[in-house]
Amino acid sequence: MSKNKLEVLENQINDLIKLSQQLKEVNEHLSKKNNQLSKENNQLSENLDIAKDGISKIIKKYKN
């Protein structure tokens, strides 16, 4: 392989390494965000269930 081709290949490899690192960082960020959103969703689901129970109790009270 000529020296020029080797340098081009080396540059491409370095670019791929940089891109791989960037993708890893983005993936880690998205994973953390996903975990955060999952926790928020669970909390909202709990709040909704509590509200549904409360509303059901109020409706039953007024029916009686």
PDB file of N, CA and C in Angstrom:
ATOM      1  N   MET A   1       0.850  -1.172   0.000  1.00  0.00           N
ATOM      2  CA  MET A   1       0.000   0.000   0.000  1.00  0.00           C
ATOM      3  C   MET A   1       0.896   1.236   0.000  1.00  0.00           C
ATOM      4  N   SER A   2       0.523   2.209  -0.800  1.00  0.00           N
ATOM      5  CA  SER A   2       1.354   3.413  -0.859  1.00  0.00           C
ATOM      6  C   SER A   2       1.177   4.233   0.416  1.00  0.00           C
ATOM      7  N   LYS A   3       2.148   5.093   0.634  1.00  0.00           N
ATOM      8  CA  LYS A   3       2.134   5.925   1.832  1.00  0.00           C
ATOM      9  C   LYS A   3       0.897   6.815   1.854  1.00  0.00           C
ATOM     10  N   ASN A   4       0.513   7.351   0.705  1.00  0.00           N
ATOM     11  CA  ASN A   4      -0.648   8.227   0.616  1.00  0.00           C
ATOM     12  C   ASN A   4      -1.937   7.475   0.975  1.00  0.00           C
ATOM     13  N   LYS A   5      -2.082   6.273   0.450  1.00  0.00           N
ATOM     14  CA  LYS A   5      -3.273   5.473   0.752  1.00  0.00           C
ATOM     15  C   LYS A   5      -3.324   5.108   2.230  1.00  0.00           C
ATOM     16  N   LEU A   6      -2.162   4.835   2.787  1.00  0.00           N
ATOM     17  CA  LEU A   6      -2.085   4.499   4.202  1.00  0.00           C
ATOM     18  C   LEU A   6      -2.503   5.692   5.061  1.00  0.00           C
ATOM     19  N   GLU A   7      -2.074   6.879   4.685  1.00  0.00           N
ATOM     20  CA  GLU A   7      -2.449   8.087   5.424  1.00  0.00           C
ATOM     21  C   GLU A   7      -3.953   8.344   5.326  1.00  0.00           C
ATOM     22  N   VAL A   8      -4.506   8.142   4.137  1.00  0.00           N
ATOM     23  CA  VAL A   8      -5.949   8.322   3.949  1.00  0.00           C
ATOM     24  C   VAL A   8      -6.710   7.333   4.827  1.00  0.00           C
ATOM     25  N   LEU A   9      -6.257   6.101   4.825  1.00  0.00           N
ATOM     26  CA  LEU A   9      -6.894   5.070   5.639  1.00  0.00           C
ATOM     27  C   LEU A   9      -6.788   5.410   7.124  1.00  0.00           C
ATOM     28  N   GLU A  10      -5.642   5.869   7.534  1.00  0.00           N
ATOM     29  CA  GLU A  10      -5.434   6.251   8.930  1.00  0.00           C
ATOM     30  C   GLU A  10      -6.364   7.402   9.317  1.00  0.00           C
ATOM     31  N   ASN A  11      -6.509   8.382   8.435  1.00  0.00           N
ATOM     32  CA  ASN A  11      -7.415   9.502   8.697  1.00  0.00           C
ATOM     33  C   ASN A  11      -8.865   9.032   8.806  1.00  0.00           C
ATOM     34  N   GLN A  12      -9.229   8.116   7.938  1.00  0.00           N
ATOM     35  CA  GLN A  12     -10.591   7.581   7.989  1.00  0.00           C
ATOM     36  C   GLN A  12     -10.835   6.825   9.294  1.00  0.00           C
ATOM     37  N   ILE A  13      -9.852   6.078   9.717  1.00  0.00           N
ATOM     38  CA  ILE A  13      -9.964   5.344  10.978  1.00  0.00           C
ATOM     39  C   ILE A  13     -10.103   6.316  12.141  1.00  0.00           C
ATOM     40  N   ASN A  14      -9.291   7.365  12.144  1.00  0.00           N
ATOM     41  CA  ASN A  14      -9.385   8.363  13.211  1.00  0.00           C
ATOM     42  C   ASN A  14     -10.751   9.046  13.213  1.00  0.00           C
ATOM     43  N   ASP A  15     -11.275   9.338  12.026  1.00  0.00           N
ATOM     44  CA  ASP A  15     -12.609   9.941  11.932  1.00  0.00           C
ATOM     45  C   ASP A  15     -13.675   8.991  12.475  1.00  0.00           C
ATOM     46  N   LEU A  16     -13.529   7.722  12.165  1.00  0.00           N
ATOM     47  CA  LEU A  16     -14.482   6.728  12.664  1.00  0.00           C
ATOM     48  C   LEU A  16     -14.408   6.590  14.181  1.00  0.00           C
ATOM     49  N   ILE A  17     -13.216   6.674  14.721  1.00  0.00           N
ATOM     50  CA  ILE A  17     -13.046   6.610  16.175  1.00  0.00           C
ATOM     51  C   ILE A  17     -13.728   7.807  16.828  1.00  0.00           C
ATOM     52  N   LYS A  18     -13.539   8.998  16.257  1.00  0.00           N
ATOM     53  CA  LYS A  18     -14.192  10.199  16.789  1.00  0.00           C
ATOM     54  C   LYS A  18     -15.707  10.072  16.713  1.00  0.00           C
ATOM     55  N   LEU A  19     -16.201   9.606  15.583  1.00  0.00           N
ATOM     56  CA  LEU A  19     -17.639   9.434  15.401  1.00  0.00           C
ATOM     57  C   LEU A  19     -18.192   8.408  16.385  1.00  0.00           C
ATOM     58  N   SER A  20     -17.457   7.339  16.577  1.00  0.00           N
ATOM     59  CA  SER A  20     -17.876   6.304  17.523  1.00  0.00           C
ATOM     60  C   SER A  20     -17.985   6.875  18.934  1.00  0.00           C
ATOM     61  N   GLN A  21     -17.034   7.697  19.331  1.00  0.00           N
ATOM     62  CA  GLN A  21     -17.055   8.316  20.657  1.00  0.00           C
ATOM     63  C   GLN A  21     -18.247   9.260  20.784  1.00  0.00           C
ATOM     64  N   GLN A  22     -18.505  10.040  19.738  1.00  0.00           N
ATOM     65  CA  GLN A  22     -19.651  10.946  19.761  1.00  0.00           C
ATOM     66  C   GLN A  22     -20.958  10.169  19.878  1.00  0.00           C
ATOM     67  N   LEU A  23     -21.062   9.089  19.133  1.00  0.00           N
ATOM     68  CA  LEU A  23     -22.270   8.266  19.205  1.00  0.00           C
ATOM     69  C   LEU A  23     -22.445   7.652  20.590  1.00  0.00           C
ATOM     70  N   LYS A  24     -21.347   7.253  21.189  1.00  0.00           N
ATOM     71  CA  LYS A  24     -21.398   6.697  22.545  1.00  0.00           C
ATOM     72  C   LYS A  24     -21.912   7.747  23.524  1.00  0.00           C
ATOM     73  N   GLU A  25     -21.413   8.969  23.409  1.00  0.00           N
ATOM     74  CA  GLU A  25     -21.847  10.045  24.297  1.00  0.00           C
ATOM     75  C   GLU A  25     -23.322  10.373  24.094  1.00  0.00           C
ATOM     76  N   VAL A  26     -23.751  10.423  22.840  1.00  0.00           N
ATOM     77  CA  VAL A  26     -25.162  10.700  22.547  1.00  0.00           C
ATOM     78  C   VAL A  26     -26.032   9.576  23.101  1.00  0.00           C
ATOM     79  N   ASN A  27     -25.593   8.349  22.919  1.00  0.00           N
ATOM     80  CA  ASN A  27     -26.344   7.203  23.423  1.00  0.00           C
ATOM     81  C   ASN A  27     -26.474   7.258  24.940  1.00  0.00           C
ATOM     82  N   GLU A  28     -25.401   7.592  25.630  1.00  0.00           N
ATOM     83  CA  GLU A  28     -25.440   7.706  27.091  1.00  0.00           C
ATOM     84  C   GLU A  28     -26.408   8.803  27.514  1.00  0.00           C
ATOM     85  N   HIS A  29     -26.366   9.932  26.814  1.00  0.00           N
ATOM     86  CA  HIS A  29     -27.276  11.035  27.124  1.00  0.00           C
ATOM     87  C   HIS A  29     -28.730  10.607  26.921  1.00  0.00           C
ATOM     88  N   LEU A  30     -29.001   9.949  25.792  1.00  0.00           N
ATOM     89  CA  LEU A  30     -30.367   9.512  25.505  1.00  0.00           C
ATOM     90  C   LEU A  30     -30.837   8.460  26.508  1.00  0.00           C
ATOM     91  N   SER A  31     -29.931   7.609  26.932  1.00  0.00           N
ATOM     92  CA  SER A  31     -30.278   6.592  27.919  1.00  0.00           C
ATOM     93  C   SER A  31     -30.665   7.240  29.248  1.00  0.00           C
ATOM     94  N   LYS A  32     -29.891   8.233  29.675  1.00  0.00           N
ATOM     95  CA  LYS A  32     -30.205   8.950  30.917  1.00  0.00           C
ATOM     96  C   LYS A  32     -31.537   9.679  30.791  1.00  0.00           C
ATOM     97  N   LYS A  33     -31.757  10.318  29.647  1.00  0.00           N
ATOM     98  CA  LYS A  33     -33.011  11.043  29.419  1.00  0.00           C
ATOM     99  C   LYS A  33     -34.183  10.066  29.420  1.00  0.00           C
ATOM    100  N   ASN A  34     -33.994   8.907  28.802  1.00  0.00           N
ATOM    101  CA  ASN A  34     -35.043   7.892  28.774  1.00  0.00           C
ATOM    102  C   ASN A  34     -35.390   7.426  30.184  1.00  0.00           C
ATOM    103  N   ASN A  35     -34.381   7.203  31.010  1.00  0.00           N
ATOM    104  CA  ASN A  35     -34.620   6.798  32.399  1.00  0.00           C
ATOM    105  C   ASN A  35     -35.385   7.874  33.156  1.00  0.00           C
ATOM    106  N   GLN A  36     -34.996   9.126  32.951  1.00  0.00           N
ATOM    107  CA  GLN A  36     -35.670  10.241  33.612  1.00  0.00           C
ATOM    108  C   GLN A  36     -37.136  10.313  33.178  1.00  0.00           C
ATOM    109  N   LEU A  37     -37.374  10.214  31.882  1.00  0.00           N
ATOM    110  CA  LEU A  37     -38.743  10.284  31.371  1.00  0.00           C
ATOM    111  C   LEU A  37     -39.574   9.093  31.845  1.00  0.00           C
ATOM    112  N   SER A  38     -38.945   7.944  31.963  1.00  0.00           N
ATOM    113  CA  SER A  38     -39.645   6.759  32.460  1.00  0.00           C
ATOM    114  C   SER A  38     -40.086   6.966  33.907  1.00  0.00           C
ATOM    115  N   LYS A  39     -39.208   7.528  34.732  1.00  0.00           N
ATOM    116  CA  LYS A  39     -39.555   7.818  36.128  1.00  0.00           C
ATOM    117  C   LYS A  39     -40.691   8.829  36.200  1.00  0.00           C
ATOM    118  N   GLU A  40     -40.614   9.882  35.372  1.00  0.00           N
ATOM    119  CA  GLU A  40     -41.672  10.887  35.354  1.00  0.00           C
ATOM    120  C   GLU A  40     -42.996  10.273  34.906  1.00  0.00           C
ATOM    121  N   ASN A  41     -42.939   9.399  33.921  1.00  0.00           N
ATOM    122  CA  ASN A  41     -44.146   8.738  33.432  1.00  0.00           C
ATOM    123  C   ASN A  41     -44.771   7.868  34.519  1.00  0.00           C
ATOM    124  N   ASN A  42     -43.937   7.143  35.245  1.00  0.00           N
ATOM    125  CA  ASN A  42     -44.440   6.312  36.341  1.00  0.00           C
ATOM    126  C   ASN A  42     -45.098   7.167  37.416  1.00  0.00           C
ATOM    127  N   GLN A  43     -44.487   8.303  37.733  1.00  0.00           N
ATOM    128  CA  GLN A  43     -45.055   9.200  38.741  1.00  0.00           C
ATOM    129  C   GLN A  43     -46.394   9.758  38.265  1.00  0.00           C
ATOM    130  N   LEU A  44     -46.460  10.147  37.001  1.00  0.00           N
ATOM    131  CA  LEU A  44     -47.716  10.660  36.454  1.00  0.00           C
ATOM    132  C   LEU A  44     -48.795   9.583  36.448  1.00  0.00           C
ATOM    133  N   SER A  45     -48.416   8.353  36.164  1.00  0.00           N
ATOM    134  CA  SER A  45     -49.380   7.247  36.195  1.00  0.00           C
ATOM    135  C   SER A  45     -49.918   7.038  37.605  1.00  0.00           C
ATOM    136  N   GLU A  46     -49.036   7.103  38.588  1.00  0.00           N
ATOM    137  CA  GLU A  46     -49.472   6.979  39.982  1.00  0.00           C
ATOM    138  C   GLU A  46     -50.421   8.111  40.349  1.00  0.00           C
ATOM    139  N   ASN A  47     -50.070   9.339  39.955  1.00  0.00           N
ATOM    140  CA  ASN A  47     -50.931  10.483  40.249  1.00  0.00           C
ATOM    141  C   ASN A  47     -52.297  10.330  39.584  1.00  0.00           C
ATOM    142  N   LEU A  48     -52.304   9.835  38.363  1.00  0.00           N
ATOM    143  CA  LEU A  48     -53.556   9.624  37.644  1.00  0.00           C
ATOM    144  C   LEU A  48     -54.413   8.581  38.351  1.00  0.00           C
ATOM    145  N   ASP A  49     -53.795   7.503  38.791  1.00  0.00           N
ATOM    146  CA  ASP A  49     -54.541   6.465  39.512  1.00  0.00           C
ATOM    147  C   ASP A  49     -55.141   7.016  40.801  1.00  0.00           C
ATOM    148  N   ILE A  50     -54.381   7.815  41.522  1.00  0.00           N
ATOM    149  CA  ILE A  50     -54.879   8.425  42.757  1.00  0.00           C
ATOM    150  C   ILE A  50     -56.057   9.347  42.446  1.00  0.00           C
ATOM    151  N   ALA A  51     -55.921  10.144  41.391  1.00  0.00           N
ATOM    152  CA  ALA A  51     -57.000  11.055  41.001  1.00  0.00           C
ATOM    153  C   ALA A  51     -58.247  10.273  40.590  1.00  0.00           C
ATOM    154  N   LYS A  52     -58.073   9.190  39.846  1.00  0.00           N
ATOM    155  CA  LYS A  52     -59.218   8.360  39.436  1.00  0.00           C
ATOM    156  C   LYS A  52     -59.944   7.798  40.654  1.00  0.00           C
ATOM    157  N   ASP A  53     -59.176   7.290  41.621  1.00  0.00           N
ATOM    158  CA  ASP A  53     -59.787   6.754  42.838  1.00  0.00           C
ATOM    159  C   ASP A  53     -60.561   7.834  43.580  1.00  0.00           C
ATOM    160  N   GLY A  54     -59.954   9.000  43.695  1.00  0.00           N
ATOM    161  CA  GLY A  54     -60.616  10.105  44.388  1.00  0.00           C
ATOM    162  C   GLY A  54     -61.898  10.519  43.689  1.00  0.00           C
ATOM    163  N   ILE A  55     -61.859  10.618  42.390  1.00  0.00           N
ATOM    164  CA  ILE A  55     -63.047  11.004  41.619  1.00  0.00           C
ATOM    165  C   ILE A  55     -64.131   9.942  41.749  1.00  0.00           C
ATOM    166  N   SER A  56     -63.741   8.677  41.704  1.00  0.00           N
ATOM    167  CA  SER A  56     -64.716   7.588  41.863  1.00  0.00           C
ATOM    168  C   SER A  56     -65.397   7.665  43.223  1.00  0.00           C
ATOM    169  N   LYS A  57     -64.627   7.940  44.262  1.00  0.00           N
ATOM    170  CA  LYS A  57     -65.194   8.052  45.610  1.00  0.00           C
ATOM    171  C   LYS A  57     -66.167   9.226  45.692  1.00  0.00           C
ATOM    172  N   ILE A  58     -65.818  10.338  45.084  1.00  0.00           N
ATOM    173  CA  ILE A  58     -66.694  11.512  45.096  1.00  0.00           C
ATOM    174  C   ILE A  58     -67.995  11.210  44.357  1.00  0.00           C
ATOM    175  N   ILE A  59     -67.901  10.554  43.219  1.00  0.00           N
ATOM    176  CA  ILE A  59     -69.096  10.214  42.433  1.00  0.00           C
ATOM    177  C   ILE A  59     -69.991   9.262  43.227  1.00  0.00           C
ATOM    178  N   LYS A  60     -69.389   8.261  43.872  1.00  0.00           N
ATOM    179  CA  LYS A  60     -70.174   7.318  44.676  1.00  0.00           C
ATOM    180  C   LYS A  60     -70.873   8.033  45.827  1.00  0.00           C
ATOM    181  N   LYS A  61     -70.185   9.001  46.446  1.00  0.00           N
ATOM    182  CA  LYS A  61     -70.766   9.763  47.553  1.00  0.00           C
ATOM    183  C   LYS A  61     -72.014  10.508  47.098  1.00  0.00           C
ATOM    184  N   TYR A  62     -71.924  11.152  45.954  1.00  0.00           N
ATOM    185  CA  TYR A  62     -73.041  11.946  45.462  1.00  0.00           C
ATOM    186  C   TYR A  62     -74.184  11.085  44.945  1.00  0.00           C
ATOM    187  N   LYS A  63     -73.886   9.856  44.497  1.00  0.00           N
ATOM    188  CA  LYS A  63     -74.942   8.948  44.048  1.00  0.00           C
ATOM    189  C   LYS A  63     -75.766   8.444  45.229  1.00  0.00           C
ATOM    190  N   ASN A  64     -75.115   8.303  46.380  1.00  0.00           N
ATOM    191  CA  ASN A  64     -75.798   7.779  47.575  1.00  0.00           C
ATOM    192  C   ASN A  64     -76.520   8.861  48.236  1.00  0.00           C
TER     193      ASN A  64
END
